[in-house]
């Protein structure tokens, strides 16, 4: 319950300002040192952020800046953060709105899991992407597209879950049945 209260105190501050301020030890990747240069920022002017506490009380955050997803953590409940780790090695258009912000979960073994929506060229379309870290967030696997349907349709609004055994669950809204029904009703 205590961790939830800390998280509730941290999240509103993140959404109220486009940047969250930290001390002088900013480990900003070079591609992020533009629009917030006057501020020393932890999440580097992230569009939206998701955060979660692991079983040891470490606060993990996943956030988007430009065309990259980043992960970092705090051992002091958000006062300072570790250097950011880039999740996707290849730039891609990432949906970073409120309800389709990146998701992050940490297993009991310390594995870090992230999911997000890669925007496609047609409006309101996307693919659900996934990556994991098995070394405590130091590096992430090559991102994979989770949805098996590759039509240019809406695969969006993902939810990520991990149970006590470490099984990963991802669900999302998928419009493939709507597209099929529309074709059949013509």
N, C-alpha and C. Protein backbone atom coordinates (compact mmCIF):
# COMPACT_ATOMS: atom_id res chain seq x y z
N UNK A 1 0.83 -1.19 0.00
CA UNK A 1 0.00 0.00 0.00
C UNK A 1 0.87 1.25 0.00
N UNK A 2 1.99 1.19 0.72
CA UNK A 2 2.87 2.34 0.80
C UNK A 2 3.46 2.68 -0.58
N UNK A 3 3.84 1.65 -1.34
CA UNK A 3 4.37 1.87 -2.68
C UNK A 3 3.34 2.52 -3.59
N UNK A 4 2.09 2.13 -3.43
CA UNK A 4 1.02 2.72 -4.24
C UNK A 4 0.90 4.20 -3.95
N UNK A 5 0.99 4.59 -2.69
CA UNK A 5 0.90 6.00 -2.34
C UNK A 5 2.07 6.79 -2.93
N UNK A 6 3.29 6.23 -2.90
CA UNK A 6 4.43 6.90 -3.51
C UNK A 6 4.20 7.07 -5.01
N UNK A 7 3.71 6.01 -5.65
CA UNK A 7 3.46 6.05 -7.09
C UNK A 7 2.40 7.10 -7.41
N UNK A 8 1.36 7.18 -6.60
CA UNK A 8 0.32 8.17 -6.83
C UNK A 8 0.85 9.59 -6.67
N UNK A 9 1.84 9.76 -5.84
CA UNK A 9 2.45 11.08 -5.67
C UNK A 9 3.36 11.42 -6.85
N UNK A 10 4.01 10.44 -7.44
CA UNK A 10 4.95 10.67 -8.52
C UNK A 10 4.25 10.88 -9.86
N UNK A 11 3.27 10.05 -10.17
CA UNK A 11 2.61 10.09 -11.47
C UNK A 11 1.97 11.43 -11.79
N UNK A 12 1.16 12.05 -10.89
CA UNK A 12 0.56 13.34 -11.26
C UNK A 12 1.60 14.39 -11.61
N UNK A 13 2.72 14.42 -10.91
CA UNK A 13 3.75 15.40 -11.23
C UNK A 13 4.32 15.16 -12.62
N UNK A 14 4.39 13.91 -13.03
CA UNK A 14 4.91 13.58 -14.34
C UNK A 14 3.97 14.06 -15.43
N UNK A 15 2.67 13.89 -15.23
CA UNK A 15 1.72 14.26 -16.26
C UNK A 15 1.44 15.76 -16.28
N UNK A 16 1.65 16.46 -15.16
CA UNK A 16 1.37 17.88 -15.11
C UNK A 16 2.41 18.68 -15.88
N UNK A 17 3.63 18.22 -15.90
CA UNK A 17 4.69 18.91 -16.63
C UNK A 17 5.21 18.00 -17.72
N UNK A 18 5.73 18.60 -18.76
CA UNK A 18 6.25 17.76 -19.82
C UNK A 18 7.61 17.18 -19.47
N UNK A 19 8.24 17.70 -18.44
CA UNK A 19 9.55 17.20 -18.02
C UNK A 19 9.57 17.10 -16.50
N UNK A 20 10.24 16.08 -15.99
CA UNK A 20 10.40 15.98 -14.54
C UNK A 20 11.84 16.33 -14.20
N UNK A 21 12.03 17.20 -13.25
CA UNK A 21 13.35 17.75 -12.95
C UNK A 21 14.10 16.86 -11.97
N UNK A 22 15.41 16.71 -12.21
CA UNK A 22 16.28 15.99 -11.28
C UNK A 22 17.52 16.82 -11.03
N UNK A 23 18.51 16.19 -10.44
CA UNK A 23 19.76 16.87 -10.12
C UNK A 23 20.69 16.98 -11.31
N UNK A 24 21.95 17.21 -11.02
CA UNK A 24 22.93 17.48 -12.06
C UNK A 24 23.39 16.21 -12.77
N UNK A 25 23.17 15.05 -12.23
CA UNK A 25 23.67 13.81 -12.81
C UNK A 25 22.73 13.28 -13.88
N UNK A 26 22.41 14.10 -14.84
CA UNK A 26 21.49 13.72 -15.91
C UNK A 26 22.23 12.86 -16.93
N UNK A 27 21.71 11.69 -17.21
CA UNK A 27 22.35 10.79 -18.17
C UNK A 27 21.54 10.76 -19.46
N UNK A 28 21.26 11.92 -20.01
CA UNK A 28 20.41 12.04 -21.20
C UNK A 28 21.16 11.52 -22.42
N UNK A 29 20.52 10.61 -23.18
CA UNK A 29 21.13 10.21 -24.45
C UNK A 29 21.22 11.43 -25.37
N UNK A 30 22.23 11.50 -26.25
CA UNK A 30 22.45 12.69 -27.08
C UNK A 30 21.24 13.09 -27.91
N UNK A 31 20.46 12.14 -28.42
CA UNK A 31 19.33 12.49 -29.27
C UNK A 31 18.20 13.16 -28.49
N UNK A 32 18.29 13.20 -27.16
CA UNK A 32 17.24 13.80 -26.36
C UNK A 32 17.60 15.20 -25.87
N UNK A 33 18.77 15.68 -26.17
CA UNK A 33 19.25 16.94 -25.60
C UNK A 33 18.82 18.15 -26.42
N UNK A 34 17.54 18.25 -26.75
CA UNK A 34 17.10 19.37 -27.57
C UNK A 34 16.07 20.24 -26.88
N UNK A 35 14.81 19.86 -26.90
CA UNK A 35 13.73 20.74 -26.48
C UNK A 35 13.68 21.03 -24.99
N UNK A 36 14.41 20.35 -24.15
CA UNK A 36 14.38 20.61 -22.71
C UNK A 36 15.75 20.97 -22.18
N UNK A 37 16.61 21.44 -23.03
CA UNK A 37 18.00 21.71 -22.64
C UNK A 37 18.15 22.55 -21.37
N UNK A 38 17.30 23.58 -21.14
CA UNK A 38 17.50 24.36 -19.92
C UNK A 38 17.27 23.55 -18.64
N UNK A 39 16.51 22.49 -18.72
CA UNK A 39 16.20 21.69 -17.54
C UNK A 39 17.07 20.45 -17.50
N UNK A 40 17.43 20.01 -16.31
CA UNK A 40 18.09 18.72 -16.14
C UNK A 40 16.96 17.74 -15.84
N UNK A 41 16.67 16.83 -16.75
CA UNK A 41 15.46 16.03 -16.63
C UNK A 41 15.75 14.55 -16.54
N UNK A 42 14.89 13.84 -15.82
CA UNK A 42 15.06 12.39 -15.69
C UNK A 42 14.44 11.68 -16.88
N UNK A 43 13.22 11.99 -17.19
CA UNK A 43 12.53 11.30 -18.27
C UNK A 43 12.58 12.09 -19.57
N UNK A 44 13.46 13.08 -19.66
CA UNK A 44 13.82 13.72 -20.91
C UNK A 44 12.62 14.16 -21.74
N UNK A 45 11.71 14.86 -21.12
CA UNK A 45 10.56 15.38 -21.85
C UNK A 45 9.75 14.26 -22.47
N UNK A 46 9.54 13.22 -21.73
CA UNK A 46 8.76 12.09 -22.22
C UNK A 46 7.34 12.53 -22.51
N UNK A 47 6.77 11.97 -23.58
CA UNK A 47 5.38 12.28 -23.90
C UNK A 47 4.46 11.71 -22.84
N UNK A 48 4.59 10.45 -22.56
CA UNK A 48 3.84 9.80 -21.49
C UNK A 48 4.71 8.74 -20.87
N UNK A 49 4.42 8.39 -19.64
CA UNK A 49 5.24 7.44 -18.91
C UNK A 49 4.35 6.46 -18.17
N UNK A 50 4.82 5.24 -18.05
CA UNK A 50 4.21 4.25 -17.18
C UNK A 50 5.25 3.87 -16.13
N UNK A 51 4.79 3.66 -14.92
CA UNK A 51 5.71 3.31 -13.84
C UNK A 51 5.13 2.18 -13.01
N UNK A 52 6.01 1.39 -12.41
CA UNK A 52 5.60 0.27 -11.57
C UNK A 52 6.70 -0.02 -10.55
N UNK A 53 6.31 -0.41 -9.35
CA UNK A 53 7.27 -0.85 -8.35
C UNK A 53 7.48 -2.35 -8.49
N UNK A 54 8.72 -2.81 -8.36
CA UNK A 54 8.97 -4.25 -8.33
C UNK A 54 8.85 -4.75 -6.90
N UNK A 55 9.07 -6.03 -6.68
CA UNK A 55 8.89 -6.61 -5.36
C UNK A 55 9.92 -6.13 -4.33
N UNK A 56 10.98 -5.49 -4.80
CA UNK A 56 12.01 -4.96 -3.89
C UNK A 56 11.87 -3.46 -3.65
N UNK A 57 10.81 -2.87 -4.18
CA UNK A 57 10.57 -1.45 -3.97
C UNK A 57 11.24 -0.52 -4.97
N UNK A 58 11.86 -1.09 -6.00
CA UNK A 58 12.48 -0.26 -7.05
C UNK A 58 11.37 0.24 -7.97
N UNK A 59 11.40 1.52 -8.29
CA UNK A 59 10.43 2.15 -9.18
C UNK A 59 10.97 2.12 -10.60
N UNK A 60 10.25 1.42 -11.50
CA UNK A 60 10.64 1.31 -12.91
C UNK A 60 9.75 2.22 -13.75
N UNK A 61 10.32 2.84 -14.76
CA UNK A 61 9.55 3.69 -15.67
C UNK A 61 9.87 3.35 -17.12
N UNK A 62 8.84 3.39 -17.95
CA UNK A 62 8.97 3.23 -19.40
C UNK A 62 8.37 4.48 -20.02
N UNK A 63 9.06 5.08 -20.99
CA UNK A 63 8.60 6.32 -21.59
C UNK A 63 9.14 6.49 -22.99
N UNK A 64 8.46 7.30 -23.76
CA UNK A 64 8.79 7.52 -25.16
C UNK A 64 9.35 8.92 -25.34
N UNK A 65 10.41 9.00 -26.10
CA UNK A 65 10.94 10.28 -26.53
C UNK A 65 11.37 10.10 -27.98
N UNK A 66 10.84 10.94 -28.86
CA UNK A 66 11.12 10.78 -30.28
C UNK A 66 10.54 9.47 -30.76
N UNK A 67 11.36 8.67 -31.40
CA UNK A 67 10.91 7.38 -31.93
C UNK A 67 11.52 6.20 -31.17
N UNK A 68 11.79 6.45 -29.89
CA UNK A 68 12.39 5.40 -29.07
C UNK A 68 11.67 5.25 -27.75
N UNK A 69 11.67 4.01 -27.25
CA UNK A 69 11.14 3.69 -25.94
C UNK A 69 12.34 3.53 -25.01
N UNK A 70 12.25 4.13 -23.83
CA UNK A 70 13.31 4.07 -22.85
C UNK A 70 12.80 3.49 -21.54
N UNK A 71 13.70 2.87 -20.80
CA UNK A 71 13.39 2.35 -19.47
C UNK A 71 14.49 2.82 -18.52
N UNK A 72 14.10 3.20 -17.32
CA UNK A 72 15.06 3.45 -16.25
C UNK A 72 14.38 3.18 -14.92
N UNK A 73 15.13 3.31 -13.84
CA UNK A 73 14.57 2.98 -12.53
C UNK A 73 15.09 3.94 -11.48
N UNK A 74 14.40 3.91 -10.35
CA UNK A 74 14.79 4.74 -9.21
C UNK A 74 14.79 3.87 -7.96
N UNK A 75 15.84 3.98 -7.19
CA UNK A 75 15.91 3.27 -5.91
C UNK A 75 15.55 4.17 -4.74
N UNK A 76 15.23 5.44 -5.03
CA UNK A 76 14.86 6.38 -3.96
C UNK A 76 13.48 7.00 -4.21
N UNK A 77 12.57 6.15 -4.70
CA UNK A 77 11.16 6.53 -4.90
C UNK A 77 10.98 7.73 -5.81
N UNK A 78 11.83 7.85 -6.83
CA UNK A 78 11.65 8.86 -7.85
C UNK A 78 12.44 10.13 -7.69
N UNK A 79 13.29 10.22 -6.67
CA UNK A 79 14.10 11.43 -6.52
C UNK A 79 15.19 11.50 -7.60
N UNK A 80 15.83 10.37 -7.87
CA UNK A 80 16.81 10.28 -8.94
C UNK A 80 16.56 9.01 -9.72
N UNK A 81 17.02 8.98 -10.95
CA UNK A 81 16.81 7.81 -11.81
C UNK A 81 18.13 7.34 -12.40
N UNK A 82 18.18 6.06 -12.73
CA UNK A 82 19.34 5.48 -13.40
C UNK A 82 19.43 6.05 -14.82
N UNK A 83 20.59 5.86 -15.47
CA UNK A 83 20.66 6.26 -16.88
C UNK A 83 19.60 5.52 -17.69
N UNK A 84 19.07 6.19 -18.68
CA UNK A 84 18.03 5.61 -19.53
C UNK A 84 18.62 4.54 -20.45
N UNK A 85 17.86 3.45 -20.64
CA UNK A 85 18.25 2.38 -21.55
C UNK A 85 17.25 2.37 -22.70
N UNK A 86 17.77 2.44 -23.93
CA UNK A 86 16.92 2.42 -25.12
C UNK A 86 16.43 0.99 -25.34
N UNK A 87 15.12 0.82 -25.53
CA UNK A 87 14.54 -0.51 -25.73
C UNK A 87 14.59 -0.90 -27.19
N UNK A 88 14.02 -0.09 -28.07
CA UNK A 88 14.00 -0.43 -29.50
C UNK A 88 15.23 0.16 -30.18
N UNK A 89 16.04 -0.70 -30.78
CA UNK A 89 17.28 -0.25 -31.42
C UNK A 89 17.01 0.50 -32.72
N UNK A 90 15.89 0.19 -33.37
CA UNK A 90 15.52 0.82 -34.63
C UNK A 90 14.40 1.80 -34.37
N UNK A 91 14.53 3.02 -34.87
CA UNK A 91 13.50 4.04 -34.68
C UNK A 91 12.18 3.59 -35.28
N UNK A 92 11.09 3.90 -34.58
CA UNK A 92 9.75 3.60 -35.09
C UNK A 92 8.76 4.58 -34.49
N UNK A 93 7.66 4.78 -35.20
CA UNK A 93 6.62 5.66 -34.70
C UNK A 93 5.92 4.94 -33.55
N UNK A 94 5.98 5.51 -32.36
CA UNK A 94 5.40 4.88 -31.18
C UNK A 94 4.22 5.71 -30.68
N UNK A 95 3.08 5.06 -30.49
CA UNK A 95 1.92 5.74 -29.92
C UNK A 95 2.24 6.08 -28.47
N UNK A 96 2.08 7.34 -28.14
CA UNK A 96 2.46 7.75 -26.79
C UNK A 96 1.37 8.60 -26.15
N UNK A 97 0.13 8.38 -26.55
CA UNK A 97 -0.98 9.08 -25.92
C UNK A 97 -1.32 8.46 -24.59
N UNK A 98 -2.16 9.13 -23.81
CA UNK A 98 -2.49 8.68 -22.47
C UNK A 98 -2.88 7.23 -22.35
N UNK A 99 -3.89 6.79 -23.08
CA UNK A 99 -4.35 5.41 -22.92
C UNK A 99 -3.52 4.41 -23.70
N UNK A 100 -2.68 4.85 -24.61
CA UNK A 100 -1.79 3.89 -25.27
C UNK A 100 -0.33 4.24 -25.04
N UNK A 101 -0.06 4.59 -23.79
CA UNK A 101 1.33 4.79 -23.38
C UNK A 101 2.01 3.42 -23.28
N UNK A 102 3.34 3.37 -23.24
CA UNK A 102 4.01 2.08 -23.09
C UNK A 102 3.67 1.45 -21.74
N UNK A 103 3.71 0.12 -21.70
CA UNK A 103 3.42 -0.61 -20.46
C UNK A 103 4.70 -1.26 -19.98
N UNK A 104 4.82 -1.40 -18.66
CA UNK A 104 6.02 -2.02 -18.08
C UNK A 104 5.60 -2.88 -16.89
N UNK A 105 6.20 -4.06 -16.80
CA UNK A 105 6.00 -4.97 -15.67
C UNK A 105 7.35 -5.59 -15.33
N UNK A 106 7.50 -5.98 -14.07
CA UNK A 106 8.73 -6.63 -13.62
C UNK A 106 8.34 -7.92 -12.91
N UNK A 107 8.95 -9.03 -13.31
CA UNK A 107 8.63 -10.32 -12.71
C UNK A 107 9.33 -10.47 -11.36
N UNK A 108 8.93 -11.48 -10.62
CA UNK A 108 9.55 -11.78 -9.33
C UNK A 108 11.05 -12.09 -9.48
N UNK A 109 11.47 -12.55 -10.66
CA UNK A 109 12.88 -12.85 -10.91
C UNK A 109 13.66 -11.62 -11.37
N UNK A 110 12.99 -10.48 -11.49
CA UNK A 110 13.67 -9.25 -11.90
C UNK A 110 13.72 -9.03 -13.40
N UNK A 111 13.01 -9.87 -14.18
CA UNK A 111 12.93 -9.65 -15.62
C UNK A 111 12.02 -8.46 -15.87
N UNK A 112 12.40 -7.59 -16.80
CA UNK A 112 11.61 -6.40 -17.12
C UNK A 112 10.95 -6.61 -18.48
N UNK A 113 9.63 -6.40 -18.52
CA UNK A 113 8.86 -6.59 -19.74
C UNK A 113 8.22 -5.27 -20.14
N UNK A 114 8.24 -4.95 -21.44
CA UNK A 114 7.58 -3.74 -21.93
C UNK A 114 6.78 -4.06 -23.19
N UNK A 115 5.66 -3.38 -23.32
CA UNK A 115 4.86 -3.47 -24.55
C UNK A 115 4.46 -2.06 -24.95
N UNK A 116 4.21 -1.88 -26.24
CA UNK A 116 3.81 -0.57 -26.76
C UNK A 116 3.14 -0.76 -28.11
N UNK A 117 2.58 0.31 -28.63
CA UNK A 117 1.94 0.28 -29.94
C UNK A 117 2.80 1.02 -30.94
N UNK A 118 3.16 0.33 -32.00
CA UNK A 118 3.86 0.96 -33.12
C UNK A 118 2.80 1.50 -34.07
N UNK A 119 2.82 2.80 -34.31
CA UNK A 119 1.83 3.40 -35.21
C UNK A 119 2.15 3.02 -36.65
N UNK A 120 1.07 2.75 -37.40
CA UNK A 120 1.20 2.48 -38.83
C UNK A 120 0.76 3.73 -39.60
N UNK A 121 0.91 3.70 -40.92
CA UNK A 121 0.66 4.90 -41.72
C UNK A 121 -0.80 5.32 -41.77
N UNK A 122 -1.72 4.38 -41.75
CA UNK A 122 -3.14 4.71 -41.78
C UNK A 122 -3.60 5.14 -40.39
N UNK A 123 -4.49 6.13 -40.34
CA UNK A 123 -4.98 6.66 -39.07
C UNK A 123 -5.62 5.57 -38.20
N UNK A 124 -5.36 5.61 -36.91
CA UNK A 124 -5.91 4.68 -35.92
C UNK A 124 -5.48 3.23 -36.15
N UNK A 125 -4.32 3.02 -36.73
CA UNK A 125 -3.83 1.65 -36.92
C UNK A 125 -2.52 1.48 -36.17
N UNK A 126 -2.20 0.24 -35.86
CA UNK A 126 -0.96 -0.03 -35.16
C UNK A 126 -0.71 -1.50 -34.97
N UNK A 127 0.49 -1.82 -34.53
CA UNK A 127 0.88 -3.17 -34.16
C UNK A 127 1.37 -3.14 -32.72
N UNK A 128 1.13 -4.22 -32.00
CA UNK A 128 1.57 -4.33 -30.61
C UNK A 128 2.98 -4.89 -30.60
N UNK A 129 3.88 -4.20 -29.92
CA UNK A 129 5.29 -4.58 -29.87
C UNK A 129 5.65 -5.01 -28.44
N UNK A 130 6.69 -5.84 -28.33
CA UNK A 130 7.10 -6.39 -27.04
C UNK A 130 8.61 -6.56 -27.01
N UNK A 131 9.19 -6.32 -25.83
CA UNK A 131 10.60 -6.60 -25.60
C UNK A 131 10.78 -6.94 -24.12
N UNK A 132 11.88 -7.60 -23.81
CA UNK A 132 12.14 -7.95 -22.40
C UNK A 132 13.63 -7.81 -22.09
N UNK A 133 13.89 -7.67 -20.82
CA UNK A 133 15.26 -7.64 -20.31
C UNK A 133 15.40 -8.74 -19.28
N UNK A 134 16.43 -9.55 -19.41
CA UNK A 134 16.69 -10.60 -18.44
C UNK A 134 17.94 -10.28 -17.61
N UNK A 135 18.46 -9.05 -17.78
CA UNK A 135 19.65 -8.64 -17.03
C UNK A 135 19.39 -7.40 -16.17
N UNK A 136 18.18 -7.30 -15.64
CA UNK A 136 17.86 -6.20 -14.74
C UNK A 136 17.73 -4.85 -15.42
N UNK A 137 17.32 -4.83 -16.69
CA UNK A 137 17.10 -3.58 -17.40
C UNK A 137 18.33 -2.97 -18.03
N UNK A 138 19.43 -3.73 -18.10
CA UNK A 138 20.65 -3.21 -18.72
C UNK A 138 20.58 -3.25 -20.24
N UNK A 139 19.84 -4.23 -20.77
CA UNK A 139 19.66 -4.37 -22.21
C UNK A 139 18.32 -5.04 -22.47
N UNK A 140 17.83 -4.89 -23.69
CA UNK A 140 16.53 -5.46 -24.06
C UNK A 140 16.66 -6.26 -25.35
N UNK A 141 15.81 -7.27 -25.47
CA UNK A 141 15.79 -8.10 -26.68
C UNK A 141 15.28 -7.27 -27.86
N UNK A 142 15.55 -7.76 -29.05
CA UNK A 142 15.02 -7.12 -30.25
C UNK A 142 13.49 -7.14 -30.16
N UNK A 143 12.88 -6.01 -30.43
CA UNK A 143 11.41 -5.90 -30.34
C UNK A 143 10.74 -6.81 -31.36
N UNK A 144 9.64 -7.41 -30.93
CA UNK A 144 8.84 -8.27 -31.82
C UNK A 144 7.41 -7.74 -31.86
N UNK A 145 6.75 -7.98 -32.99
CA UNK A 145 5.33 -7.66 -33.11
C UNK A 145 4.55 -8.85 -32.58
N UNK A 146 3.65 -8.60 -31.66
CA UNK A 146 2.92 -9.66 -30.98
C UNK A 146 1.70 -10.12 -31.78
N UNK A 147 0.96 -9.18 -32.35
CA UNK A 147 -0.26 -9.57 -33.07
C UNK A 147 0.11 -10.34 -34.34
N UNK A 148 -0.59 -11.46 -34.57
CA UNK A 148 -0.28 -12.31 -35.71
C UNK A 148 -0.89 -11.77 -37.00
N UNK A 149 -1.87 -10.93 -36.91
CA UNK A 149 -2.53 -10.35 -38.07
C UNK A 149 -1.74 -9.12 -38.49
N UNK A 150 -1.30 -9.08 -39.75
CA UNK A 150 -0.47 -7.96 -40.21
C UNK A 150 -1.24 -6.99 -41.12
N UNK A 151 -2.57 -7.11 -41.14
CA UNK A 151 -3.36 -6.14 -41.90
C UNK A 151 -3.16 -4.76 -41.29
N UNK A 152 -3.33 -3.73 -42.12
CA UNK A 152 -3.21 -2.36 -41.65
C UNK A 152 -4.54 -1.98 -40.99
N UNK A 153 -4.72 -2.49 -39.78
CA UNK A 153 -5.94 -2.24 -39.00
C UNK A 153 -5.54 -1.87 -37.58
N UNK A 154 -6.53 -1.67 -36.76
CA UNK A 154 -6.27 -1.26 -35.38
C UNK A 154 -5.93 -2.45 -34.49
N UNK A 155 -4.69 -2.51 -34.08
CA UNK A 155 -4.22 -3.36 -32.99
C UNK A 155 -3.68 -2.34 -31.99
N UNK A 156 -4.48 -1.96 -31.00
CA UNK A 156 -4.07 -0.88 -30.12
C UNK A 156 -4.59 -1.10 -28.71
N UNK A 157 -4.24 -0.19 -27.82
CA UNK A 157 -4.69 -0.18 -26.43
C UNK A 157 -4.32 -1.49 -25.72
N UNK A 158 -3.03 -1.81 -25.76
CA UNK A 158 -2.54 -3.05 -25.15
C UNK A 158 -2.53 -2.95 -23.62
N UNK A 159 -2.60 -4.11 -23.01
CA UNK A 159 -2.45 -4.28 -21.57
C UNK A 159 -1.46 -5.40 -21.35
N UNK A 160 -0.54 -5.20 -20.44
CA UNK A 160 0.53 -6.17 -20.17
C UNK A 160 0.38 -6.68 -18.75
N UNK A 161 0.49 -7.99 -18.59
CA UNK A 161 0.42 -8.59 -17.26
C UNK A 161 1.44 -9.71 -17.12
N UNK A 162 1.91 -9.92 -15.90
CA UNK A 162 2.84 -11.00 -15.59
C UNK A 162 2.38 -11.62 -14.28
N UNK A 163 2.20 -12.96 -14.28
CA UNK A 163 1.78 -13.61 -13.04
C UNK A 163 2.98 -14.01 -12.18
N UNK A 164 2.71 -14.61 -11.02
CA UNK A 164 3.78 -14.97 -10.08
C UNK A 164 4.77 -15.97 -10.66
N UNK A 165 4.31 -16.79 -11.61
CA UNK A 165 5.19 -17.77 -12.24
C UNK A 165 6.03 -17.16 -13.36
N UNK A 166 5.76 -15.90 -13.71
CA UNK A 166 6.51 -15.24 -14.77
C UNK A 166 5.88 -15.36 -16.14
N UNK A 167 4.66 -15.93 -16.21
CA UNK A 167 3.97 -16.01 -17.49
C UNK A 167 3.53 -14.61 -17.91
N UNK A 168 3.70 -14.31 -19.19
CA UNK A 168 3.41 -12.98 -19.72
C UNK A 168 2.09 -13.03 -20.46
N UNK A 169 1.25 -12.02 -20.22
CA UNK A 169 -0.04 -11.90 -20.90
C UNK A 169 -0.14 -10.51 -21.51
N UNK A 170 -0.48 -10.45 -22.80
CA UNK A 170 -0.72 -9.17 -23.46
C UNK A 170 -2.06 -9.28 -24.17
N UNK A 171 -2.92 -8.30 -23.92
CA UNK A 171 -4.19 -8.24 -24.65
C UNK A 171 -4.30 -6.86 -25.28
N UNK A 172 -5.13 -6.75 -26.31
CA UNK A 172 -5.29 -5.49 -27.01
C UNK A 172 -6.61 -5.50 -27.77
N UNK A 173 -7.04 -4.32 -28.17
CA UNK A 173 -8.20 -4.21 -29.05
C UNK A 173 -7.74 -4.51 -30.46
N UNK A 174 -8.53 -5.32 -31.15
CA UNK A 174 -8.13 -5.81 -32.47
C UNK A 174 -9.34 -5.72 -33.39
N UNK A 175 -9.22 -5.01 -34.49
CA UNK A 175 -10.37 -4.80 -35.37
C UNK A 175 -10.44 -5.77 -36.54
N UNK A 176 -9.73 -6.89 -36.50
CA UNK A 176 -9.77 -7.81 -37.64
C UNK A 176 -11.17 -8.37 -37.85
N UNK A 177 -11.92 -8.66 -36.78
CA UNK A 177 -13.28 -9.18 -36.95
C UNK A 177 -14.21 -8.12 -37.53
N UNK A 178 -14.00 -6.87 -37.15
CA UNK A 178 -14.82 -5.79 -37.70
C UNK A 178 -14.55 -5.65 -39.19
N UNK A 179 -13.30 -5.70 -39.60
CA UNK A 179 -12.96 -5.59 -41.02
C UNK A 179 -13.58 -6.74 -41.80
N UNK A 180 -13.52 -7.93 -41.26
CA UNK A 180 -14.08 -9.11 -41.93
C UNK A 180 -15.59 -8.96 -42.04
N UNK A 181 -16.26 -8.53 -40.98
CA UNK A 181 -17.71 -8.33 -40.99
C UNK A 181 -18.11 -7.25 -41.99
N UNK A 182 -17.33 -6.19 -42.06
CA UNK A 182 -17.62 -5.12 -43.04
C UNK A 182 -17.53 -5.64 -44.46
N UNK A 183 -16.54 -6.49 -44.75
CA UNK A 183 -16.39 -7.06 -46.11
C UNK A 183 -17.56 -7.98 -46.43
N UNK A 184 -17.99 -8.79 -45.46
CA UNK A 184 -19.09 -9.74 -45.68
C UNK A 184 -20.43 -9.04 -45.86
N UNK A 185 -20.60 -7.88 -45.27
CA UNK A 185 -21.88 -7.16 -45.33
C UNK A 185 -21.98 -6.22 -46.52
N UNK A 186 -21.01 -6.21 -47.38
CA UNK A 186 -21.06 -5.32 -48.57
C UNK A 186 -21.91 -5.90 -49.65
